[in-house]
Amino acid sequence: MSDHLPAFMAEEIRCCVCGNTNSGKFQLNCQKENFAVVTCNDCSFHFIPPYYRKKIEYTQYKNADVTAAVRAGNNWIKIQRHKLRFKFIQKFVKSGTLFDLGAGWGHFMLAGKELGYDVHGIEISEQPYLYCVNDLKLPVEHIDFFEMDETKKFDVITMWDVLEHIDKADEFLAKCAKLTKEGGYLILQVPQIDSYFARRHKDKWKMMGLDHVNYFGKKTITQILANHGYEVQKIKSSFELKLFIMYTLLPLIKKLKGNKKQSLRETNTSINAAERQHYFNKFTNKPLWQMKLFVFFHNIIYNTLSCFNIGEEMMVAAKKVK
């Protein structure tokens, strides 16, 4: 593959980690049908250039059908999953104000509320926002993050699978820094480009797609956070079993039952969000004792894989030091 970027791909190109704008200092990492991933030669950051991102049509893909499927799901099992995340958070922030950036369906905030945190959140997608405030009665705002009042300060800001979607991640983190108390923490999770699964699957890694603009590794996430006054305290590999069920197990079963000539990626693309949620509901619609047993073994598997750095995402705890 040629190291030189095509002229169209170099338009408006900029590395959000080191600020490099010299098109000659980027190289093509992989080329797909509707997107490409490039690498900054100065800092080794991988990302999708602006040319492709402009082609995204932003729609409310989480529609009323998805909401109905979420509402029919097992909230207990969802909260247990997030309590596992809180075991990581509590090593750094045991209590206080918590702001969840991209609250989604709100179950992480619900778990935090149960554990005694003063929770607040923001969600730009309409259906998850409505579910948070109407069904779960959570203090979630439906506004643009950049419009948030900067006089508000939080002990901990959390972002679960958010930063990989943000076109100007540096500006996004600069805003986070203004909202984090001195000595407070930013806790985030992102797909990890130098993970075991990413290295194994390379350009066939299922985390690669047009909706994921940023592909951080341990070095680049540490660098971009340092640029905004955060000092990384801990990076932990994460393997999301729920995502495995919805994005790997379901497509595999559907492929085996249907068109065996179709690739797994094609099968995965054909599945909508409501169908994934219905399958997860079916998977977790079991008696409580079975679910408790499932959680017990899930946590053992999760912690074992994390201990051996086997995962495709990473959880990062970073302290605001300046």
Protein backbone atom coordinates (compact mmCIF):
# COMPACT_ATOMS: atom_id res chain seq x y z
CA MET A 1 0.00 0.00 0.00
CA SER A 2 1.34 3.45 -0.94
CA ASP A 3 2.50 5.68 1.91
CA HIS A 4 1.26 8.82 0.14
CA LEU A 5 -2.26 10.04 0.75
CA PRO A 6 -4.47 10.84 -2.26
CA ALA A 7 -5.09 14.60 -2.53
CA PHE A 8 -8.79 14.29 -1.65
CA MET A 9 -7.96 12.39 1.51
CA ALA A 10 -5.50 15.05 2.65
CA GLU A 11 -8.10 17.85 2.58
CA GLU A 12 -8.41 19.56 5.98
CA ILE A 13 -6.45 16.72 7.57
CA ARG A 14 -5.28 17.31 11.14
CA CYS A 15 -4.13 15.06 13.97
CA CYS A 16 -6.10 15.83 17.13
CA VAL A 17 -3.37 14.29 19.31
CA CYS A 18 -0.24 16.16 18.21
CA GLY A 19 -1.72 18.87 15.97
CA ASN A 20 0.12 17.72 12.81
CA THR A 21 -1.39 19.25 9.64
CA ASN A 22 1.41 18.39 7.19
CA SER A 23 -0.25 16.03 4.68
CA GLY A 24 3.16 14.54 3.89
CA LYS A 25 3.38 13.24 7.46
CA PHE A 26 0.34 10.98 7.22
CA GLN A 27 0.14 7.56 5.62
CA LEU A 28 -2.70 5.36 4.51
CA ASN A 29 -3.23 2.57 7.00
CA CYS A 30 -6.15 0.74 5.38
CA GLN A 31 -8.67 1.39 2.63
CA LYS A 32 -12.29 0.17 2.78
CA GLU A 33 -15.24 0.59 0.44
CA ASN A 34 -16.65 3.67 2.14
CA PHE A 35 -13.86 4.88 4.42
CA ALA A 36 -10.12 4.80 5.04
CA VAL A 37 -7.95 4.89 8.15
CA VAL A 38 -4.79 7.01 8.13
CA THR A 39 -1.87 7.18 10.56
CA CYS A 40 -0.04 10.28 11.79
CA ASN A 41 3.67 9.63 11.41
CA ASP A 42 4.52 12.09 14.20
CA CYS A 43 2.56 10.39 17.01
CA SER A 44 1.15 7.13 15.50
CA PHE A 45 -2.49 8.17 15.98
CA HIS A 46 -4.98 6.37 13.70
CA PHE A 47 -8.14 8.08 12.45
CA ILE A 48 -10.59 8.50 9.58
CA PRO A 49 -9.89 11.70 7.59
CA PRO A 50 -12.54 14.46 7.31
CA TYR A 51 -13.32 13.65 3.65
CA TYR A 52 -15.16 10.47 4.66
CA ARG A 53 -16.72 11.84 7.82
CA LYS A 54 -18.53 14.52 5.81
CA LYS A 55 -20.46 11.72 4.10
CA ILE A 56 -22.12 10.58 7.32
CA GLU A 57 -25.85 11.24 7.55
CA TYR A 58 -26.57 11.82 11.22
CA THR A 59 -29.99 10.34 11.97
CA GLN A 60 -31.80 9.25 15.11
CA TYR A 61 -30.94 5.58 14.68
CA LYS A 62 -32.20 4.82 18.18
CA ASN A 63 -35.89 5.02 17.34
CA ALA A 64 -39.10 4.13 19.18
CA ASP A 65 -38.69 0.43 18.30
CA VAL A 66 -35.33 0.36 20.06
CA THR A 67 -36.83 2.16 23.06
CA ALA A 68 -39.59 -0.45 23.29
CA ALA A 69 -36.99 -3.22 23.20
CA VAL A 70 -34.92 -1.51 25.91
CA ARG A 71 -38.02 -1.00 28.04
CA ALA A 72 -38.78 -4.74 27.79
CA GLY A 73 -35.26 -5.68 28.88
CA ASN A 74 -33.85 -6.87 32.18
CA ASN A 75 -32.70 -3.71 34.03
CA TRP A 76 -31.17 -5.74 36.85
CA ILE A 77 -28.63 -7.40 34.57
CA LYS A 78 -27.77 -4.05 32.96
CA ILE A 79 -27.11 -2.45 36.34
CA GLN A 80 -24.83 -5.34 37.37
CA ARG A 81 -22.75 -4.76 34.25
CA HIS A 82 -22.28 -1.12 35.18
CA LYS A 83 -21.50 -1.93 38.81
CA LEU A 84 -18.48 -3.78 37.44
CA ARG A 85 -17.39 -0.46 35.90
CA PHE A 86 -17.90 1.25 39.25
CA LYS A 87 -15.46 -1.14 40.88
CA PHE A 88 -12.86 0.45 38.60
CA ILE A 89 -14.08 4.01 39.30
CA GLN A 90 -14.19 3.54 43.09
CA LYS A 91 -10.46 2.94 43.16
CA PHE A 92 -10.13 6.64 42.35
CA VAL A 93 -13.43 8.38 43.27
CA LYS A 94 -15.51 6.72 45.98
CA SER A 95 -18.27 9.36 46.10
CA GLY A 96 -19.24 12.83 44.93
CA THR A 97 -20.66 14.43 41.80
CA LEU A 98 -20.59 12.30 38.66
CA PHE A 99 -21.33 13.57 35.17
CA ASP A 100 -21.98 10.94 32.49
CA LEU A 101 -21.26 12.35 29.05
CA GLY A 102 -23.40 10.44 26.57
CA ALA A 103 -25.74 8.84 29.08
CA GLY A 104 -27.33 6.51 26.54
CA TRP A 105 -30.20 4.57 28.11
CA GLY A 106 -29.16 5.69 31.60
CA HIS A 107 -28.43 2.37 33.30
CA PHE A 108 -24.88 3.42 34.20
CA MET A 109 -26.26 6.52 35.95
CA LEU A 110 -28.89 4.38 37.66
CA ALA A 111 -26.16 2.12 39.02
CA GLY A 112 -24.22 5.18 40.23
CA LYS A 113 -27.30 6.54 41.97
CA GLU A 114 -27.77 3.21 43.78
CA LEU A 115 -24.14 3.42 44.93
CA GLY A 116 -24.59 6.92 46.38
CA TYR A 117 -23.09 9.17 43.70
CA ASP A 118 -24.74 12.52 42.88
CA VAL A 119 -25.37 11.75 39.22
CA HIS A 120 -25.94 14.10 36.29
CA GLY A 121 -25.84 13.38 32.56
CA ILE A 122 -26.27 14.58 29.02
CA GLU A 123 -27.64 12.69 26.00
CA ILE A 124 -28.08 14.22 22.55
CA SER A 125 -30.09 11.34 21.02
CA GLU A 126 -33.78 11.96 21.66
CA GLN A 127 -35.12 8.46 22.41
CA PRO A 128 -32.48 7.51 25.02
CA TYR A 129 -32.89 10.96 26.61
CA LEU A 130 -36.66 10.51 26.92
CA TYR A 131 -36.18 7.04 28.39
CA CYS A 132 -33.70 8.42 30.96
CA VAL A 133 -35.99 11.20 32.20
CA ASN A 134 -39.39 9.53 31.82
CA ASP A 135 -38.70 5.88 32.66
CA LEU A 136 -35.68 6.09 34.98
CA LYS A 137 -36.34 9.59 36.40
CA LEU A 138 -32.72 10.63 35.97
CA PRO A 139 -31.34 14.21 35.77
CA VAL A 140 -30.28 14.10 32.12
CA GLU A 141 -30.13 17.13 29.83
CA HIS A 142 -30.85 17.09 26.10
CA ILE A 143 -28.39 19.75 24.92
CA ASP A 144 -25.16 20.10 22.96
CA PHE A 145 -22.21 19.36 25.24
CA PHE A 146 -20.40 22.52 24.11
CA GLU A 147 -23.35 24.60 25.35
CA MET A 148 -23.01 23.33 28.93
CA ASP A 149 -22.51 25.87 31.70
CA GLU A 150 -18.78 25.85 32.50
CA THR A 151 -19.33 27.01 36.09
CA LYS A 152 -20.45 23.46 36.84
CA LYS A 153 -17.60 21.31 38.17
CA PHE A 154 -17.67 17.56 38.79
CA ASP A 155 -15.60 15.12 40.84
CA VAL A 156 -15.70 12.61 37.99
CA ILE A 157 -16.71 12.75 34.34
CA THR A 158 -17.41 9.46 32.58
CA MET A 159 -17.57 8.62 28.87
CA TRP A 160 -18.45 5.11 27.74
CA ASP A 161 -17.70 4.51 24.05
CA VAL A 162 -18.06 8.20 23.18
CA LEU A 163 -14.66 9.68 22.31
CA GLU A 164 -14.14 7.42 19.28
CA HIS A 165 -17.16 9.10 17.63
CA ILE A 166 -15.97 12.71 18.09
CA ASP A 167 -14.47 14.50 15.08
CA LYS A 168 -12.55 17.10 17.11
CA ALA A 169 -11.60 15.05 20.13
CA ASP A 170 -9.09 17.66 21.34
CA GLU A 171 -11.75 20.39 21.58
CA PHE A 172 -14.09 17.92 23.26
CA LEU A 173 -11.50 17.08 25.93
CA ALA A 174 -10.73 20.78 26.43
CA LYS A 175 -14.39 21.24 27.38
CA CYS A 176 -14.20 18.22 29.72
CA ALA A 177 -11.20 19.77 31.45
CA LYS A 178 -13.19 22.94 32.20
CA LEU A 179 -15.88 20.85 33.90
CA THR A 180 -13.55 18.66 35.97
CA LYS A 181 -12.61 19.77 39.48
CA GLU A 182 -8.91 20.07 40.23
CA GLY A 183 -7.89 16.64 41.43
CA GLY A 184 -11.02 15.17 39.86
CA TYR A 185 -11.08 12.35 37.33
CA LEU A 186 -12.05 11.61 33.77
CA ILE A 187 -12.97 7.94 33.31
CA LEU A 188 -13.50 6.76 29.75
CA GLN A 189 -13.71 3.68 27.59
CA VAL A 190 -12.70 3.54 23.91
CA PRO A 191 -11.83 0.85 21.36
CA GLN A 192 -8.10 0.08 21.63
CA ILE A 193 -6.15 -0.03 18.36
CA ASP A 194 -3.16 -1.76 20.00
CA SER A 195 -5.31 -4.38 21.75
CA TYR A 196 -4.99 -8.13 21.27
CA PHE A 197 -8.07 -8.30 19.03
CA ALA A 198 -7.15 -5.26 16.93
CA ARG A 199 -3.63 -6.59 16.30
CA ARG A 200 -4.99 -10.02 15.44
CA HIS A 201 -7.73 -8.90 13.03
CA LYS A 202 -5.94 -5.81 11.62
CA ASP A 203 -8.09 -4.10 8.98
CA LYS A 204 -10.84 -6.71 9.53
CA TRP A 205 -11.27 -5.64 13.16
CA LYS A 206 -15.00 -5.21 13.75
CA MET A 207 -14.48 -1.96 15.68
CA MET A 208 -13.38 -0.26 12.46
CA GLY A 209 -16.19 1.62 10.74
CA LEU A 210 -17.22 5.03 9.50
CA ASP A 211 -18.93 5.87 12.80
CA HIS A 212 -15.63 5.45 14.69
CA VAL A 213 -13.35 8.33 13.69
CA ASN A 214 -10.65 7.90 16.37
CA TYR A 215 -8.58 4.77 17.10
CA PHE A 216 -6.57 5.34 20.26
CA GLY A 217 -3.82 3.18 21.68
CA LYS A 218 -2.29 3.45 25.16
CA LYS A 219 0.33 5.95 23.97
CA THR A 220 -2.00 8.27 22.05
CA ILE A 221 -4.79 8.33 24.67
CA THR A 222 -2.18 9.21 27.30
CA GLN A 223 -0.77 11.97 25.10
CA ILE A 224 -4.08 13.63 24.19
CA LEU A 225 -5.24 13.57 27.82
CA ALA A 226 -1.94 15.11 28.96
CA ASN A 227 -2.48 17.91 26.43
CA HIS A 228 -5.58 18.90 28.40
CA GLY A 229 -4.24 18.67 31.92
CA TYR A 230 -5.00 15.03 32.72
CA GLU A 231 -2.50 12.50 34.01
CA VAL A 232 -3.36 8.87 33.28
CA GLN A 233 -3.41 6.78 36.46
CA LYS A 234 -4.56 3.45 35.08
CA ILE A 235 -5.38 1.76 31.77
CA LYS A 236 -7.29 -1.51 31.92
CA SER A 237 -8.25 -3.81 29.06
CA SER A 238 -12.00 -4.32 28.71
CA PHE A 239 -13.98 -7.06 27.01
CA GLU A 240 -17.69 -6.20 26.82
CA LEU A 241 -19.66 -9.46 26.92
CA LYS A 242 -22.92 -7.65 26.10
CA LEU A 243 -21.36 -6.31 22.89
CA PHE A 244 -19.99 -9.78 22.14
CA ILE A 245 -23.53 -11.21 22.42
CA MET A 246 -25.10 -8.48 20.27
CA TYR A 247 -22.37 -7.88 17.68
CA THR A 248 -20.59 -11.25 17.38
CA LEU A 249 -22.81 -14.07 18.64
CA LEU A 250 -26.06 -12.82 17.07
CA PRO A 251 -24.56 -12.24 13.57
CA LEU A 252 -22.83 -15.64 13.72
CA ILE A 253 -26.08 -17.44 14.58
CA LYS A 254 -28.01 -15.47 11.95
CA LYS A 255 -25.38 -16.28 9.32
CA LEU A 256 -25.47 -20.01 10.12
CA LYS A 257 -29.27 -20.05 9.92
CA GLY A 258 -29.48 -17.92 6.78
CA ASN A 259 -27.16 -17.01 3.91
CA LYS A 260 -23.93 -18.88 4.57
CA LYS A 261 -22.29 -17.21 1.55
CA GLN A 262 -22.75 -13.79 3.11
CA SER A 263 -19.76 -12.54 5.08
CA LEU A 264 -20.03 -12.06 8.83
CA ARG A 265 -19.48 -8.30 8.37
CA GLU A 266 -22.35 -8.13 5.85
CA THR A 267 -24.60 -10.07 8.20
CA ASN A 268 -23.66 -7.74 11.05
CA THR A 269 -24.47 -4.67 8.97
CA SER A 270 -27.94 -5.99 8.14
CA ILE A 271 -28.98 -6.22 11.81
CA ASN A 272 -30.68 -3.14 13.27
CA ALA A 273 -30.43 -1.84 16.83
CA ALA A 274 -33.90 -3.07 17.85
CA GLU A 275 -33.11 -6.60 16.70
CA ARG A 276 -29.87 -6.60 18.70
CA GLN A 277 -31.68 -5.43 21.82
CA HIS A 278 -34.44 -8.04 21.41
CA TYR A 279 -31.79 -10.76 21.15
CA PHE A 280 -30.04 -9.52 24.30
CA ASN A 281 -33.42 -9.48 26.07
CA LYS A 282 -34.03 -13.08 25.02
CA PHE A 283 -30.55 -14.03 26.21
CA THR A 284 -31.13 -12.44 29.64
CA ASN A 285 -34.82 -13.29 30.17
CA LYS A 286 -34.04 -15.98 32.72
CA PRO A 287 -34.86 -16.62 36.40
CA LEU A 288 -32.94 -14.40 38.83
CA TRP A 289 -30.83 -17.27 40.20
CA GLN A 290 -29.61 -18.05 36.69
CA MET A 291 -28.80 -14.40 36.06
CA LYS A 292 -26.86 -14.18 39.33
CA LEU A 293 -24.88 -17.23 38.25
CA PHE A 294 -24.33 -15.63 34.83
CA VAL A 295 -23.04 -12.41 36.47
CA PHE A 296 -20.71 -14.40 38.73
CA PHE A 297 -19.05 -16.21 35.82
CA HIS A 298 -19.20 -13.11 33.61
CA ASN A 299 -17.16 -11.17 36.17
CA ILE A 300 -14.61 -13.96 36.51
CA ILE A 301 -14.17 -14.08 32.71
CA TYR A 302 -14.04 -10.29 32.45
CA ASN A 303 -11.42 -9.87 35.20
CA THR A 304 -9.31 -12.77 33.92
CA LEU A 305 -9.21 -11.41 30.37
CA SER A 306 -8.45 -7.94 31.69
CA CYS A 307 -5.62 -9.29 33.85
CA PHE A 308 -3.98 -10.74 30.73
CA ASN A 309 -4.70 -7.60 28.66
CA ILE A 310 -7.06 -9.52 26.38
CA GLY A 311 -9.81 -7.24 25.16
CA GLU A 312 -10.63 -4.85 22.35
CA GLU A 313 -11.41 -1.79 24.44
CA MET A 314 -9.63 0.00 27.25
CA MET A 315 -10.87 1.78 30.35
CA VAL A 316 -8.79 4.81 31.27
CA ALA A 317 -8.66 6.69 34.57
CA ALA A 318 -7.06 10.12 34.27
CA LYS A 319 -6.60 12.69 37.05
CA LYS A 320 -6.97 16.45 36.46
CA VAL A 321 -3.59 17.82 37.57
CA LYS A 322 -3.55 21.29 35.96
